[in-house]
């Protein structure tokens, strides 16, 4: 069975400066990858959100690092990513060929993402250097729970919701949630419906990301 599965994103609705932006779900470029971004499927290769990387069957993924962009930074390093992947059970190796640290662009500021899986590639996106994210609406319950699990602190201020991180907490969030979640999508060759794929990736991130530490964690319920 092909591992060229559907793409997905870790997303939150967000506002930056004077313009509202949304951490939305990613547009899918072809039906083979499923539908994740908007209700409108992409109409051409130009709708692809990233550079496509052909599957190579690597045991350890090749890592590509792009400059994060002005006022942004990559919260984790390539060496941390490699070390974290090696901590996963060996049966989960070989599903990801490329991990790309992508840059923040003007277009991506309109629909920014934490992470994205497309085929056998995982893309990780930078975050504000200020470590403060501003949102136009309160987080959904699952979003609030998930970010707080990794040390994010929410506050309602001036009619907006702000999510505060530290260098340590955002590193933990990316290494043990975003990265592991997207790897979970890459190795999920069974599920096809977006809801099922997201449920599996969420479970995988808790079981093989969050639970790896000694902090208290909820008992995961494997997806049916």
N, C-alpha and C. Protein backbone atom coordinates (compact mmCIF):
# COMPACT_ATOMS: atom_id res chain seq x y z
N UNK A 1 0.85 -1.20 0.00
CA UNK A 1 0.00 0.00 0.00
C UNK A 1 0.88 1.24 0.00
N UNK A 2 0.52 2.22 -0.78
CA UNK A 2 1.31 3.43 -0.88
C UNK A 2 1.27 4.22 0.41
N UNK A 3 2.40 4.84 0.78
CA UNK A 3 2.43 5.71 1.93
C UNK A 3 2.22 7.16 1.54
N UNK A 4 1.81 7.40 0.29
CA UNK A 4 1.58 8.75 -0.18
C UNK A 4 0.21 9.20 0.29
N UNK A 5 0.09 9.46 1.60
CA UNK A 5 -1.21 9.69 2.21
C UNK A 5 -1.63 11.13 2.18
N UNK A 6 -2.67 11.46 2.92
CA UNK A 6 -3.20 12.82 2.92
C UNK A 6 -2.36 13.73 3.78
N UNK A 7 -2.37 15.02 3.44
CA UNK A 7 -1.67 16.01 4.22
C UNK A 7 -2.54 16.45 5.37
N UNK A 8 -1.95 17.06 6.37
CA UNK A 8 -2.73 17.58 7.47
C UNK A 8 -2.00 18.73 8.10
N UNK A 9 -2.66 19.48 8.98
CA UNK A 9 -2.02 20.59 9.64
C UNK A 9 -2.39 20.63 11.10
N UNK A 10 -1.54 21.26 11.92
CA UNK A 10 -1.88 21.58 13.30
C UNK A 10 -2.27 23.03 13.27
N UNK A 11 -3.49 23.36 13.65
CA UNK A 11 -3.97 24.69 13.34
C UNK A 11 -4.70 25.36 14.50
N UNK A 12 -4.66 26.71 14.48
CA UNK A 12 -5.39 27.54 15.43
C UNK A 12 -5.76 28.84 14.74
N UNK A 13 -6.93 29.40 15.05
CA UNK A 13 -7.34 30.67 14.46
C UNK A 13 -6.61 31.81 15.14
N UNK A 14 -5.98 32.70 14.34
CA UNK A 14 -5.03 33.64 14.89
C UNK A 14 -5.12 35.00 14.23
N UNK A 15 -4.79 36.06 15.00
CA UNK A 15 -4.71 37.41 14.44
C UNK A 15 -3.33 37.96 14.69
N UNK A 16 -2.80 38.68 13.72
CA UNK A 16 -1.47 39.26 13.87
C UNK A 16 -1.53 40.72 13.42
N UNK A 17 -0.92 41.60 14.22
CA UNK A 17 -0.94 43.03 13.95
C UNK A 17 -2.39 43.49 13.73
N UNK A 18 -2.64 44.21 12.60
CA UNK A 18 -3.99 44.71 12.35
C UNK A 18 -4.85 43.76 11.53
N UNK A 19 -4.24 42.76 10.92
CA UNK A 19 -5.01 41.88 10.04
C UNK A 19 -5.26 40.54 10.72
N UNK A 20 -6.48 40.04 10.57
CA UNK A 20 -6.82 38.73 11.14
C UNK A 20 -6.27 37.66 10.24
N UNK A 21 -5.72 36.63 10.83
CA UNK A 21 -5.28 35.48 10.06
C UNK A 21 -5.72 34.22 10.77
N UNK A 22 -5.70 33.13 10.06
CA UNK A 22 -6.23 31.90 10.63
C UNK A 22 -5.25 30.77 10.43
N UNK A 23 -4.97 30.08 11.54
CA UNK A 23 -4.21 28.85 11.41
C UNK A 23 -5.18 27.81 10.89
N UNK A 24 -5.32 27.74 9.57
CA UNK A 24 -6.36 26.94 8.97
C UNK A 24 -5.86 25.55 8.63
N UNK A 25 -6.72 24.77 8.06
CA UNK A 25 -6.33 23.45 7.61
C UNK A 25 -5.81 23.55 6.19
N UNK A 26 -4.85 22.73 5.86
CA UNK A 26 -4.11 22.93 4.63
C UNK A 26 -4.87 22.51 3.39
N UNK A 27 -4.70 23.27 2.30
CA UNK A 27 -5.32 22.93 1.02
C UNK A 27 -4.66 21.69 0.46
N UNK A 28 -5.43 20.80 -0.06
CA UNK A 28 -4.89 19.60 -0.67
C UNK A 28 -4.72 19.80 -2.14
N UNK A 29 -3.62 19.37 -2.69
CA UNK A 29 -3.37 19.63 -4.09
C UNK A 29 -4.01 18.61 -5.01
N UNK A 30 -4.25 17.39 -4.54
CA UNK A 30 -4.85 16.36 -5.39
C UNK A 30 -5.77 15.48 -4.57
N UNK A 31 -6.78 14.89 -5.18
CA UNK A 31 -7.68 14.01 -4.44
C UNK A 31 -6.96 12.85 -3.76
N UNK A 32 -5.82 12.42 -4.31
CA UNK A 32 -5.09 11.30 -3.72
C UNK A 32 -4.63 11.60 -2.31
N UNK A 33 -4.50 12.89 -1.99
CA UNK A 33 -4.02 13.25 -0.67
C UNK A 33 -5.16 13.56 0.29
N UNK A 34 -6.39 13.43 -0.13
CA UNK A 34 -7.51 13.77 0.74
C UNK A 34 -7.83 15.24 0.68
N UNK A 35 -8.75 15.72 1.52
CA UNK A 35 -9.09 17.14 1.55
C UNK A 35 -8.95 17.68 2.96
N UNK A 36 -8.15 18.70 3.15
CA UNK A 36 -7.91 19.19 4.51
C UNK A 36 -8.08 20.69 4.64
N UNK A 37 -7.91 21.51 3.63
CA UNK A 37 -7.86 22.95 3.88
C UNK A 37 -9.20 23.63 3.82
N UNK A 38 -9.70 23.84 2.72
CA UNK A 38 -10.99 24.48 2.60
C UNK A 38 -11.93 23.49 1.93
N UNK A 39 -13.14 23.90 1.72
CA UNK A 39 -14.08 23.03 1.03
C UNK A 39 -13.77 22.96 -0.45
N UNK A 40 -12.93 23.86 -0.94
CA UNK A 40 -12.60 23.90 -2.35
C UNK A 40 -11.32 23.11 -2.60
N UNK A 41 -11.36 22.04 -3.38
CA UNK A 41 -10.13 21.32 -3.70
C UNK A 41 -9.24 22.16 -4.59
N UNK A 42 -7.95 21.94 -4.48
CA UNK A 42 -7.03 22.69 -5.32
C UNK A 42 -7.26 22.36 -6.78
N UNK A 43 -7.05 23.36 -7.64
CA UNK A 43 -7.35 23.19 -9.05
C UNK A 43 -6.11 22.98 -9.91
N UNK A 44 -4.95 23.23 -9.38
CA UNK A 44 -3.74 23.12 -10.18
C UNK A 44 -2.54 22.88 -9.29
N UNK A 45 -1.38 22.48 -9.86
CA UNK A 45 -0.17 22.30 -9.04
C UNK A 45 0.25 23.56 -8.31
N UNK A 46 -0.20 24.73 -8.79
CA UNK A 46 0.21 25.97 -8.14
C UNK A 46 -0.48 26.15 -6.79
N UNK A 47 -1.50 25.32 -6.50
CA UNK A 47 -2.17 25.39 -5.22
C UNK A 47 -1.40 24.65 -4.13
N UNK A 48 -0.37 23.91 -4.51
CA UNK A 48 0.40 23.17 -3.52
C UNK A 48 1.03 24.13 -2.52
N UNK A 49 0.94 23.85 -1.22
CA UNK A 49 1.45 24.77 -0.21
C UNK A 49 2.96 24.69 -0.03
N UNK A 50 3.59 23.63 -0.53
CA UNK A 50 5.01 23.41 -0.30
C UNK A 50 5.64 22.74 -1.52
N UNK A 51 6.95 22.67 -1.50
CA UNK A 51 7.67 21.93 -2.53
C UNK A 51 7.51 20.44 -2.26
N UNK A 52 7.08 19.70 -3.27
CA UNK A 52 6.87 18.27 -3.14
C UNK A 52 8.21 17.54 -3.12
N UNK A 53 8.36 16.59 -2.20
CA UNK A 53 9.56 15.76 -2.11
C UNK A 53 9.18 14.32 -2.46
N UNK A 54 9.81 13.80 -3.48
CA UNK A 54 9.53 12.43 -3.89
C UNK A 54 9.96 11.44 -2.81
N UNK A 55 9.15 10.42 -2.55
CA UNK A 55 9.53 9.39 -1.57
C UNK A 55 10.83 8.69 -1.97
N UNK A 56 11.70 8.48 -0.99
CA UNK A 56 13.00 7.84 -1.25
C UNK A 56 13.23 6.61 -0.39
N UNK A 57 12.39 6.36 0.59
CA UNK A 57 12.57 5.20 1.44
C UNK A 57 13.73 5.31 2.39
N UNK A 58 14.03 6.51 2.87
CA UNK A 58 15.16 6.70 3.80
C UNK A 58 14.80 6.17 5.19
N UNK A 59 15.78 5.60 5.85
CA UNK A 59 15.58 5.17 7.24
C UNK A 59 15.54 6.38 8.16
N UNK A 60 16.46 7.32 7.95
CA UNK A 60 16.47 8.57 8.70
C UNK A 60 16.22 9.71 7.73
N UNK A 61 15.24 10.57 7.99
CA UNK A 61 14.89 11.61 7.03
C UNK A 61 16.00 12.63 6.80
N UNK A 62 16.04 13.13 5.57
CA UNK A 62 16.89 14.27 5.24
C UNK A 62 16.24 15.52 5.81
N UNK A 63 17.04 16.40 6.40
CA UNK A 63 16.50 17.61 7.01
C UNK A 63 16.92 18.83 6.20
N UNK A 64 15.95 19.64 5.83
CA UNK A 64 16.17 20.86 5.08
C UNK A 64 15.80 22.03 5.97
N UNK A 65 16.68 23.02 6.06
CA UNK A 65 16.42 24.17 6.93
C UNK A 65 16.37 25.44 6.08
N UNK A 66 15.23 26.12 6.11
CA UNK A 66 15.08 27.41 5.46
C UNK A 66 15.12 28.50 6.53
N UNK A 67 15.58 29.72 6.17
CA UNK A 67 15.55 30.82 7.15
C UNK A 67 14.12 31.04 7.64
N UNK A 68 13.93 31.26 8.94
CA UNK A 68 12.56 31.37 9.46
C UNK A 68 11.80 32.60 9.01
N UNK A 69 12.52 33.67 8.71
CA UNK A 69 11.85 34.92 8.35
C UNK A 69 11.98 35.95 9.47
N UNK A 70 11.80 37.19 9.10
CA UNK A 70 11.95 38.28 10.05
C UNK A 70 10.95 38.15 11.20
N UNK A 71 11.45 38.28 12.42
CA UNK A 71 10.68 38.23 13.65
C UNK A 71 10.11 36.85 13.95
N UNK A 72 10.66 35.82 13.32
CA UNK A 72 10.26 34.45 13.58
C UNK A 72 11.51 33.61 13.88
N UNK A 73 11.31 32.45 14.49
CA UNK A 73 12.43 31.55 14.72
C UNK A 73 11.92 30.11 14.74
N UNK A 74 12.84 29.18 14.45
CA UNK A 74 12.52 27.76 14.54
C UNK A 74 12.77 27.32 15.98
N UNK A 75 11.75 26.85 16.68
CA UNK A 75 11.92 26.54 18.10
C UNK A 75 12.69 25.26 18.40
N UNK A 76 12.94 24.43 17.41
CA UNK A 76 13.75 23.23 17.62
C UNK A 76 14.82 23.16 16.54
N UNK A 77 15.81 22.31 16.75
CA UNK A 77 16.95 22.21 15.84
C UNK A 77 16.96 20.87 15.12
N UNK A 78 17.69 20.78 14.01
CA UNK A 78 17.80 19.49 13.32
C UNK A 78 18.34 18.37 14.20
N UNK A 79 19.32 18.67 15.03
CA UNK A 79 19.89 17.63 15.89
C UNK A 79 18.86 17.14 16.90
N UNK A 80 18.01 18.04 17.41
CA UNK A 80 16.96 17.63 18.33
C UNK A 80 15.92 16.77 17.63
N UNK A 81 15.62 17.10 16.38
CA UNK A 81 14.67 16.31 15.61
C UNK A 81 15.21 14.90 15.38
N UNK A 82 16.47 14.80 14.97
CA UNK A 82 17.07 13.47 14.74
C UNK A 82 17.06 12.64 16.02
N UNK A 83 17.45 13.26 17.13
CA UNK A 83 17.49 12.53 18.40
C UNK A 83 16.09 12.09 18.81
N UNK A 84 15.11 12.94 18.57
CA UNK A 84 13.73 12.59 18.96
C UNK A 84 13.19 11.44 18.11
N UNK A 85 13.51 11.44 16.83
CA UNK A 85 13.05 10.35 15.96
C UNK A 85 13.68 9.03 16.38
N UNK A 86 14.93 9.05 16.78
CA UNK A 86 15.60 7.83 17.22
C UNK A 86 14.98 7.27 18.49
N UNK A 87 14.28 8.10 19.26
CA UNK A 87 13.62 7.62 20.47
C UNK A 87 12.33 6.88 20.16
N UNK A 88 11.79 7.04 18.96
CA UNK A 88 10.58 6.31 18.59
C UNK A 88 10.91 4.84 18.37
N UNK A 89 9.96 3.95 18.60
CA UNK A 89 10.20 2.54 18.29
C UNK A 89 10.64 2.35 16.84
N UNK A 90 11.53 1.42 16.62
CA UNK A 90 12.12 1.23 15.29
C UNK A 90 11.08 0.94 14.22
N UNK A 91 9.96 0.36 14.60
CA UNK A 91 8.93 0.04 13.59
C UNK A 91 8.31 1.29 12.98
N UNK A 92 8.53 2.46 13.60
CA UNK A 92 7.99 3.70 13.07
C UNK A 92 9.00 4.45 12.22
N UNK A 93 10.19 3.91 12.06
CA UNK A 93 11.20 4.57 11.23
C UNK A 93 10.95 4.25 9.76
N UNK A 94 11.36 5.15 8.88
CA UNK A 94 11.27 4.89 7.45
C UNK A 94 10.00 5.38 6.79
N UNK A 95 9.11 6.03 7.54
CA UNK A 95 7.88 6.55 6.95
C UNK A 95 8.02 8.01 6.52
N UNK A 96 9.05 8.69 7.00
CA UNK A 96 9.29 10.09 6.66
C UNK A 96 10.64 10.21 5.96
N UNK A 97 10.63 10.75 4.75
CA UNK A 97 11.86 10.92 3.97
C UNK A 97 12.51 12.27 4.18
N UNK A 98 11.69 13.30 4.40
CA UNK A 98 12.21 14.67 4.52
C UNK A 98 11.50 15.38 5.66
N UNK A 99 12.27 16.12 6.45
CA UNK A 99 11.70 17.06 7.41
C UNK A 99 12.23 18.43 7.03
N UNK A 100 11.33 19.31 6.69
CA UNK A 100 11.73 20.64 6.23
C UNK A 100 11.32 21.70 7.24
N UNK A 101 12.30 22.49 7.68
CA UNK A 101 12.03 23.67 8.50
C UNK A 101 11.70 24.80 7.52
N UNK A 102 10.45 25.11 7.36
CA UNK A 102 10.03 26.06 6.34
C UNK A 102 10.08 27.50 6.84
N UNK A 103 10.19 28.43 5.90
CA UNK A 103 10.23 29.85 6.24
C UNK A 103 8.82 30.41 6.35
N UNK A 104 8.69 31.51 7.10
CA UNK A 104 7.44 32.24 7.15
C UNK A 104 7.45 33.25 6.00
N UNK A 105 6.40 33.23 5.21
CA UNK A 105 6.28 34.14 4.08
C UNK A 105 5.05 35.02 4.28
N UNK A 106 4.90 36.02 3.42
CA UNK A 106 3.75 36.90 3.51
C UNK A 106 2.44 36.11 3.34
N UNK A 107 2.44 35.19 2.41
CA UNK A 107 1.23 34.39 2.18
C UNK A 107 0.94 33.48 3.36
N UNK A 108 1.97 32.88 3.94
CA UNK A 108 1.76 31.97 5.06
C UNK A 108 1.30 32.70 6.32
N UNK A 109 1.59 34.00 6.40
CA UNK A 109 1.10 34.75 7.55
C UNK A 109 -0.42 34.85 7.55
N UNK A 110 -1.03 34.69 6.38
CA UNK A 110 -2.49 34.72 6.31
C UNK A 110 -3.09 33.43 6.82
N UNK A 111 -2.40 32.31 6.60
CA UNK A 111 -2.88 31.00 7.04
C UNK A 111 -1.71 30.22 7.65
N UNK A 112 -1.17 30.70 8.76
CA UNK A 112 0.02 30.08 9.33
C UNK A 112 -0.27 28.71 9.95
N UNK A 113 0.75 27.88 9.96
CA UNK A 113 0.63 26.53 10.49
C UNK A 113 1.77 26.25 11.45
N UNK A 114 1.57 25.34 12.38
CA UNK A 114 2.66 24.81 13.18
C UNK A 114 3.40 23.73 12.40
N UNK A 115 2.63 22.84 11.79
CA UNK A 115 3.26 21.74 11.07
C UNK A 115 2.34 21.22 9.99
N UNK A 116 2.92 20.48 9.05
CA UNK A 116 2.17 19.96 7.92
C UNK A 116 2.81 18.66 7.46
N UNK A 117 1.99 17.68 7.13
CA UNK A 117 2.48 16.43 6.54
C UNK A 117 1.93 16.32 5.13
N UNK A 118 2.83 16.02 4.19
CA UNK A 118 2.41 15.87 2.79
C UNK A 118 3.22 14.72 2.20
N UNK A 119 2.56 13.63 1.91
CA UNK A 119 3.28 12.46 1.42
C UNK A 119 4.22 11.93 2.49
N UNK A 120 5.49 11.78 2.15
CA UNK A 120 6.48 11.30 3.11
C UNK A 120 7.34 12.45 3.65
N UNK A 121 6.82 13.66 3.55
CA UNK A 121 7.55 14.83 4.06
C UNK A 121 6.76 15.47 5.20
N UNK A 122 7.49 16.00 6.17
CA UNK A 122 6.92 16.76 7.27
C UNK A 122 7.53 18.16 7.22
N UNK A 123 6.67 19.16 7.31
CA UNK A 123 7.10 20.56 7.27
C UNK A 123 6.81 21.19 8.62
N UNK A 124 7.81 21.83 9.20
CA UNK A 124 7.67 22.51 10.49
C UNK A 124 7.82 24.01 10.27
N UNK A 125 6.92 24.79 10.84
CA UNK A 125 6.89 26.22 10.59
C UNK A 125 7.36 27.02 11.79
N UNK A 126 7.96 28.17 11.55
CA UNK A 126 8.50 28.98 12.65
C UNK A 126 7.40 29.66 13.44
N UNK A 127 7.79 30.20 14.58
CA UNK A 127 6.84 30.88 15.46
C UNK A 127 7.43 32.25 15.81
N UNK A 128 6.59 33.15 16.30
CA UNK A 128 7.01 34.50 16.61
C UNK A 128 8.16 34.52 17.62
N UNK A 129 9.14 35.37 17.38
CA UNK A 129 10.25 35.52 18.32
C UNK A 129 9.78 36.00 19.68
N UNK A 130 8.68 36.74 19.69
CA UNK A 130 8.15 37.26 20.96
C UNK A 130 7.61 36.16 21.85
N UNK A 131 7.35 34.98 21.26
CA UNK A 131 6.75 33.85 21.98
C UNK A 131 5.33 34.15 22.45
N UNK A 132 4.70 35.11 21.80
CA UNK A 132 3.31 35.46 22.10
C UNK A 132 2.50 35.35 20.81
N UNK A 133 1.46 34.52 20.83
CA UNK A 133 0.56 34.39 19.69
C UNK A 133 -0.77 35.04 20.03
N UNK A 134 -1.31 35.83 19.09
CA UNK A 134 -2.55 36.56 19.32
C UNK A 134 -3.65 36.00 18.44
N UNK A 135 -4.81 35.71 19.04
CA UNK A 135 -5.91 35.06 18.35
C UNK A 135 -7.17 35.92 18.41
N UNK A 136 -7.98 35.83 17.36
CA UNK A 136 -9.19 36.65 17.29
C UNK A 136 -10.35 36.03 18.05
N UNK A 137 -10.25 34.80 18.45
CA UNK A 137 -11.34 34.15 19.16
C UNK A 137 -10.77 33.19 20.20
N UNK A 138 -11.54 32.83 21.21
CA UNK A 138 -11.02 31.92 22.23
C UNK A 138 -10.72 30.56 21.65
N UNK A 139 -9.79 29.83 22.24
CA UNK A 139 -9.46 28.51 21.71
C UNK A 139 -10.61 27.53 21.93
N UNK A 140 -10.73 26.58 21.01
CA UNK A 140 -11.66 25.50 21.24
C UNK A 140 -11.15 24.66 22.42
N UNK A 141 -12.03 23.93 23.11
CA UNK A 141 -11.60 23.17 24.29
C UNK A 141 -10.39 22.28 24.03
N UNK A 142 -10.38 21.56 22.90
CA UNK A 142 -9.25 20.68 22.60
C UNK A 142 -7.96 21.46 22.41
N UNK A 143 -8.05 22.64 21.77
CA UNK A 143 -6.87 23.47 21.57
C UNK A 143 -6.32 23.97 22.90
N UNK A 144 -7.23 24.40 23.77
CA UNK A 144 -6.79 24.90 25.08
C UNK A 144 -6.14 23.79 25.89
N UNK A 145 -6.74 22.62 25.90
CA UNK A 145 -6.18 21.49 26.65
C UNK A 145 -4.82 21.12 26.12
N UNK A 146 -4.71 21.00 24.79
CA UNK A 146 -3.47 20.53 24.17
C UNK A 146 -2.31 21.49 24.42
N UNK A 147 -2.54 22.79 24.24
CA UNK A 147 -1.45 23.75 24.45
C UNK A 147 -1.06 23.82 25.93
N UNK A 148 -2.04 23.74 26.82
CA UNK A 148 -1.72 23.79 28.25
C UNK A 148 -0.97 22.55 28.70
N UNK A 149 -1.21 21.42 28.06
CA UNK A 149 -0.46 20.20 28.37
C UNK A 149 1.04 20.42 28.21
N UNK A 150 1.40 21.31 27.29
CA UNK A 150 2.82 21.54 27.01
C UNK A 150 3.32 22.87 27.58
N UNK A 151 2.53 23.49 28.44
CA UNK A 151 3.00 24.68 29.13
C UNK A 151 2.57 26.00 28.54
N UNK A 152 1.76 26.00 27.48
CA UNK A 152 1.24 27.25 26.94
C UNK A 152 0.27 27.89 27.91
N UNK A 153 0.31 29.21 28.01
CA UNK A 153 -0.56 29.93 28.96
C UNK A 153 -1.46 30.88 28.20
N UNK A 154 -2.77 30.71 28.33
CA UNK A 154 -3.75 31.54 27.65
C UNK A 154 -4.17 32.71 28.53
N UNK A 155 -4.43 33.87 27.88
CA UNK A 155 -4.93 35.03 28.60
C UNK A 155 -5.83 35.84 27.66
N UNK A 156 -6.94 36.32 28.19
CA UNK A 156 -7.84 37.19 27.42
C UNK A 156 -7.45 38.63 27.71
N UNK A 157 -7.01 39.35 26.68
CA UNK A 157 -6.49 40.70 26.86
C UNK A 157 -6.93 41.58 25.69
N UNK A 158 -7.47 42.76 26.02
CA UNK A 158 -7.81 43.76 25.00
C UNK A 158 -8.70 43.19 23.90
N UNK A 159 -9.64 42.35 24.28
CA UNK A 159 -10.56 41.81 23.30
C UNK A 159 -10.00 40.69 22.46
N UNK A 160 -8.78 40.24 22.74
CA UNK A 160 -8.16 39.14 22.01
C UNK A 160 -7.73 38.06 23.00
N UNK A 161 -7.38 36.92 22.45
CA UNK A 161 -6.81 35.83 23.26
C UNK A 161 -5.35 35.69 22.88
N UNK A 162 -4.48 35.65 23.90
CA UNK A 162 -3.05 35.51 23.65
C UNK A 162 -2.55 34.21 24.29
N UNK A 163 -1.65 33.59 23.54
CA UNK A 163 -1.04 32.34 23.99
C UNK A 163 0.44 32.61 24.24
N UNK A 164 0.86 32.46 25.49
CA UNK A 164 2.23 32.77 25.89
C UNK A 164 3.04 31.48 26.03
N UNK A 165 4.23 31.50 25.46
CA UNK A 165 5.16 30.39 25.57
C UNK A 165 6.47 30.87 26.19
N UNK A 166 7.29 29.93 26.61
CA UNK A 166 8.69 30.19 26.92
C UNK A 166 9.53 29.37 25.94
N UNK A 167 10.82 29.59 25.92
CA UNK A 167 11.68 28.81 25.02
C UNK A 167 11.57 27.32 25.33
N UNK A 168 11.47 26.98 26.58
CA UNK A 168 11.38 25.57 26.96
C UNK A 168 10.04 24.95 26.59
N UNK A 169 8.94 25.69 26.85
CA UNK A 169 7.64 25.10 26.57
C UNK A 169 7.36 24.98 25.08
N UNK A 170 7.79 25.96 24.28
CA UNK A 170 7.54 25.86 22.84
C UNK A 170 8.41 24.75 22.22
N UNK A 171 9.59 24.56 22.76
CA UNK A 171 10.44 23.46 22.30
C UNK A 171 9.76 22.12 22.60
N UNK A 172 9.22 21.99 23.81
CA UNK A 172 8.51 20.78 24.20
C UNK A 172 7.30 20.55 23.28
N UNK A 173 6.55 21.61 23.01
CA UNK A 173 5.36 21.52 22.17
C UNK A 173 5.70 21.03 20.76
N UNK A 174 6.76 21.56 20.19
CA UNK A 174 7.14 21.16 18.83
C UNK A 174 7.74 19.76 18.78
N UNK A 175 8.62 19.45 19.73
CA UNK A 175 9.29 18.14 19.70
C UNK A 175 8.36 16.99 20.04
N UNK A 176 7.48 17.20 21.02
CA UNK A 176 6.68 16.10 21.54
C UNK A 176 5.22 16.15 21.14
N UNK A 177 4.84 17.18 20.38
CA UNK A 177 3.48 17.22 19.88
C UNK A 177 3.47 17.41 18.37
N UNK A 178 3.91 18.54 17.89
CA UNK A 178 3.82 18.84 16.46
C UNK A 178 4.57 17.82 15.62
N UNK A 179 5.84 17.60 15.93
CA UNK A 179 6.65 16.64 15.17
C UNK A 179 6.04 15.24 15.21
N UNK A 180 5.69 14.78 16.40
CA UNK A 180 5.18 13.41 16.54
C UNK A 180 3.81 13.28 15.90
N UNK A 181 2.98 14.30 16.01
CA UNK A 181 1.66 14.29 15.37
C UNK A 181 1.80 14.11 13.86
N UNK A 182 2.70 14.88 13.23
CA UNK A 182 2.84 14.81 11.78
C UNK A 182 3.48 13.48 11.34
N UNK A 183 4.39 12.95 12.15
CA UNK A 183 4.93 11.62 11.85
C UNK A 183 3.80 10.59 11.93
N UNK A 184 2.90 10.77 12.90
CA UNK A 184 1.75 9.88 12.99
C UNK A 184 0.92 9.88 11.72
N UNK A 185 0.72 11.06 11.14
CA UNK A 185 0.00 11.13 9.87
C UNK A 185 0.74 10.38 8.77
N UNK A 186 2.07 10.53 8.75
CA UNK A 186 2.85 9.90 7.67
C UNK A 186 2.79 8.37 7.74
N UNK A 187 2.75 7.82 8.94
CA UNK A 187 2.74 6.36 9.04
C UNK A 187 1.33 5.76 9.04
N UNK A 188 0.32 6.62 9.03
CA UNK A 188 -1.06 6.14 9.00
C UNK A 188 -1.46 5.80 7.56
N UNK A 189 -1.31 4.55 7.20
CA UNK A 189 -1.63 4.10 5.84
C UNK A 189 -3.02 3.46 5.77
N UNK A 190 -3.72 3.42 6.89
CA UNK A 190 -5.01 2.75 6.93
C UNK A 190 -6.18 3.71 6.76
N UNK A 191 -6.17 4.80 7.51
CA UNK A 191 -7.31 5.70 7.53
C UNK A 191 -7.31 6.62 6.31
N UNK A 192 -8.49 6.92 5.81
CA UNK A 192 -8.64 7.80 4.67
C UNK A 192 -9.48 9.04 4.99
N UNK A 193 -10.46 8.89 5.86
CA UNK A 193 -11.28 10.05 6.22
C UNK A 193 -10.47 11.01 7.08
N UNK A 194 -10.55 12.32 6.82
CA UNK A 194 -9.80 13.30 7.60
C UNK A 194 -10.02 13.17 9.11
N UNK A 195 -11.28 12.91 9.51
CA UNK A 195 -11.56 12.79 10.95
C UNK A 195 -10.81 11.61 11.56
N UNK A 196 -10.76 10.50 10.83
CA UNK A 196 -10.07 9.32 11.34
C UNK A 196 -8.56 9.53 11.38
N UNK A 197 -8.05 10.19 10.37
CA UNK A 197 -6.61 10.46 10.33
C UNK A 197 -6.20 11.39 11.48
N UNK A 198 -7.04 12.39 11.74
CA UNK A 198 -6.73 13.33 12.81
C UNK A 198 -6.82 12.64 14.17
N UNK A 199 -7.81 11.78 14.33
CA UNK A 199 -7.96 11.05 15.59
C UNK A 199 -6.74 10.17 15.85
N UNK A 200 -6.27 9.49 14.81
CA UNK A 200 -5.10 8.63 14.97
C UNK A 200 -3.86 9.46 15.32
N UNK A 201 -3.65 10.56 14.59
CA UNK A 201 -2.46 11.39 14.84
C UNK A 201 -2.48 11.99 16.24
N UNK A 202 -3.66 12.39 16.71
CA UNK A 202 -3.77 12.92 18.08
C UNK A 202 -3.41 11.84 19.10
N UNK A 203 -3.92 10.64 18.89
CA UNK A 203 -3.59 9.54 19.80
C UNK A 203 -2.09 9.24 19.75
N UNK A 204 -1.52 9.21 18.56
CA UNK A 204 -0.10 8.91 18.41
C UNK A 204 0.76 9.96 19.12
N UNK A 205 0.36 11.23 19.02
CA UNK A 205 1.13 12.30 19.66
C UNK A 205 1.09 12.20 21.18
N UNK A 206 -0.05 11.77 21.73
CA UNK A 206 -0.14 11.60 23.18
C UNK A 206 0.66 10.37 23.62
N UNK A 207 0.48 9.27 22.89
CA UNK A 207 1.12 8.01 23.30
C UNK A 207 2.63 8.04 23.13
N UNK A 208 3.12 8.62 22.02
CA UNK A 208 4.55 8.58 21.73
C UNK A 208 5.24 9.93 21.85
N UNK A 209 4.48 10.97 22.20
CA UNK A 209 5.05 12.29 22.44
C UNK A 209 4.91 12.69 23.89
N UNK A 210 3.68 12.98 24.28
CA UNK A 210 3.43 13.49 25.62
C UNK A 210 3.79 12.49 26.71
N UNK A 211 3.44 11.24 26.53
CA UNK A 211 3.63 10.23 27.56
C UNK A 211 5.08 9.81 27.75
N UNK A 212 5.97 10.25 26.87
CA UNK A 212 7.37 9.86 27.01
C UNK A 212 8.02 10.53 28.21
N UNK A 213 7.44 11.63 28.70
CA UNK A 213 8.01 12.34 29.84
C UNK A 213 7.42 11.77 31.14
N UNK A 214 7.89 12.30 32.24
CA UNK A 214 7.43 11.82 33.54
C UNK A 214 6.27 12.64 34.08
N UNK A 215 5.79 13.62 33.32
CA UNK A 215 4.65 14.41 33.79
C UNK A 215 3.39 13.57 33.76
N UNK A 216 2.39 13.90 34.56
CA UNK A 216 1.12 13.15 34.53
C UNK A 216 0.49 13.27 33.15
N UNK A 217 -0.07 12.20 32.66
CA UNK A 217 -0.67 12.21 31.33
C UNK A 217 -1.96 11.42 31.33
N UNK A 218 -2.87 11.79 30.43
CA UNK A 218 -4.13 11.05 30.35
C UNK A 218 -3.92 9.69 29.72
N UNK A 219 -4.77 8.76 30.07
CA UNK A 219 -4.70 7.45 29.44
C UNK A 219 -5.20 7.56 28.00
N UNK A 220 -4.38 7.24 27.00
CA UNK A 220 -4.84 7.34 25.62
C UNK A 220 -5.84 6.25 25.27
N UNK A 221 -6.77 6.60 24.43
CA UNK A 221 -7.73 5.62 23.93
C UNK A 221 -7.44 5.40 22.46
N UNK A 222 -6.92 4.23 22.07
CA UNK A 222 -6.58 4.00 20.67
C UNK A 222 -7.79 4.21 19.78
N UNK A 223 -7.62 4.84 18.61
CA UNK A 223 -8.74 5.06 17.72
C UNK A 223 -9.30 3.74 17.21
N UNK A 224 -10.60 3.70 17.03
CA UNK A 224 -11.24 2.49 16.54
C UNK A 224 -11.05 2.36 15.04
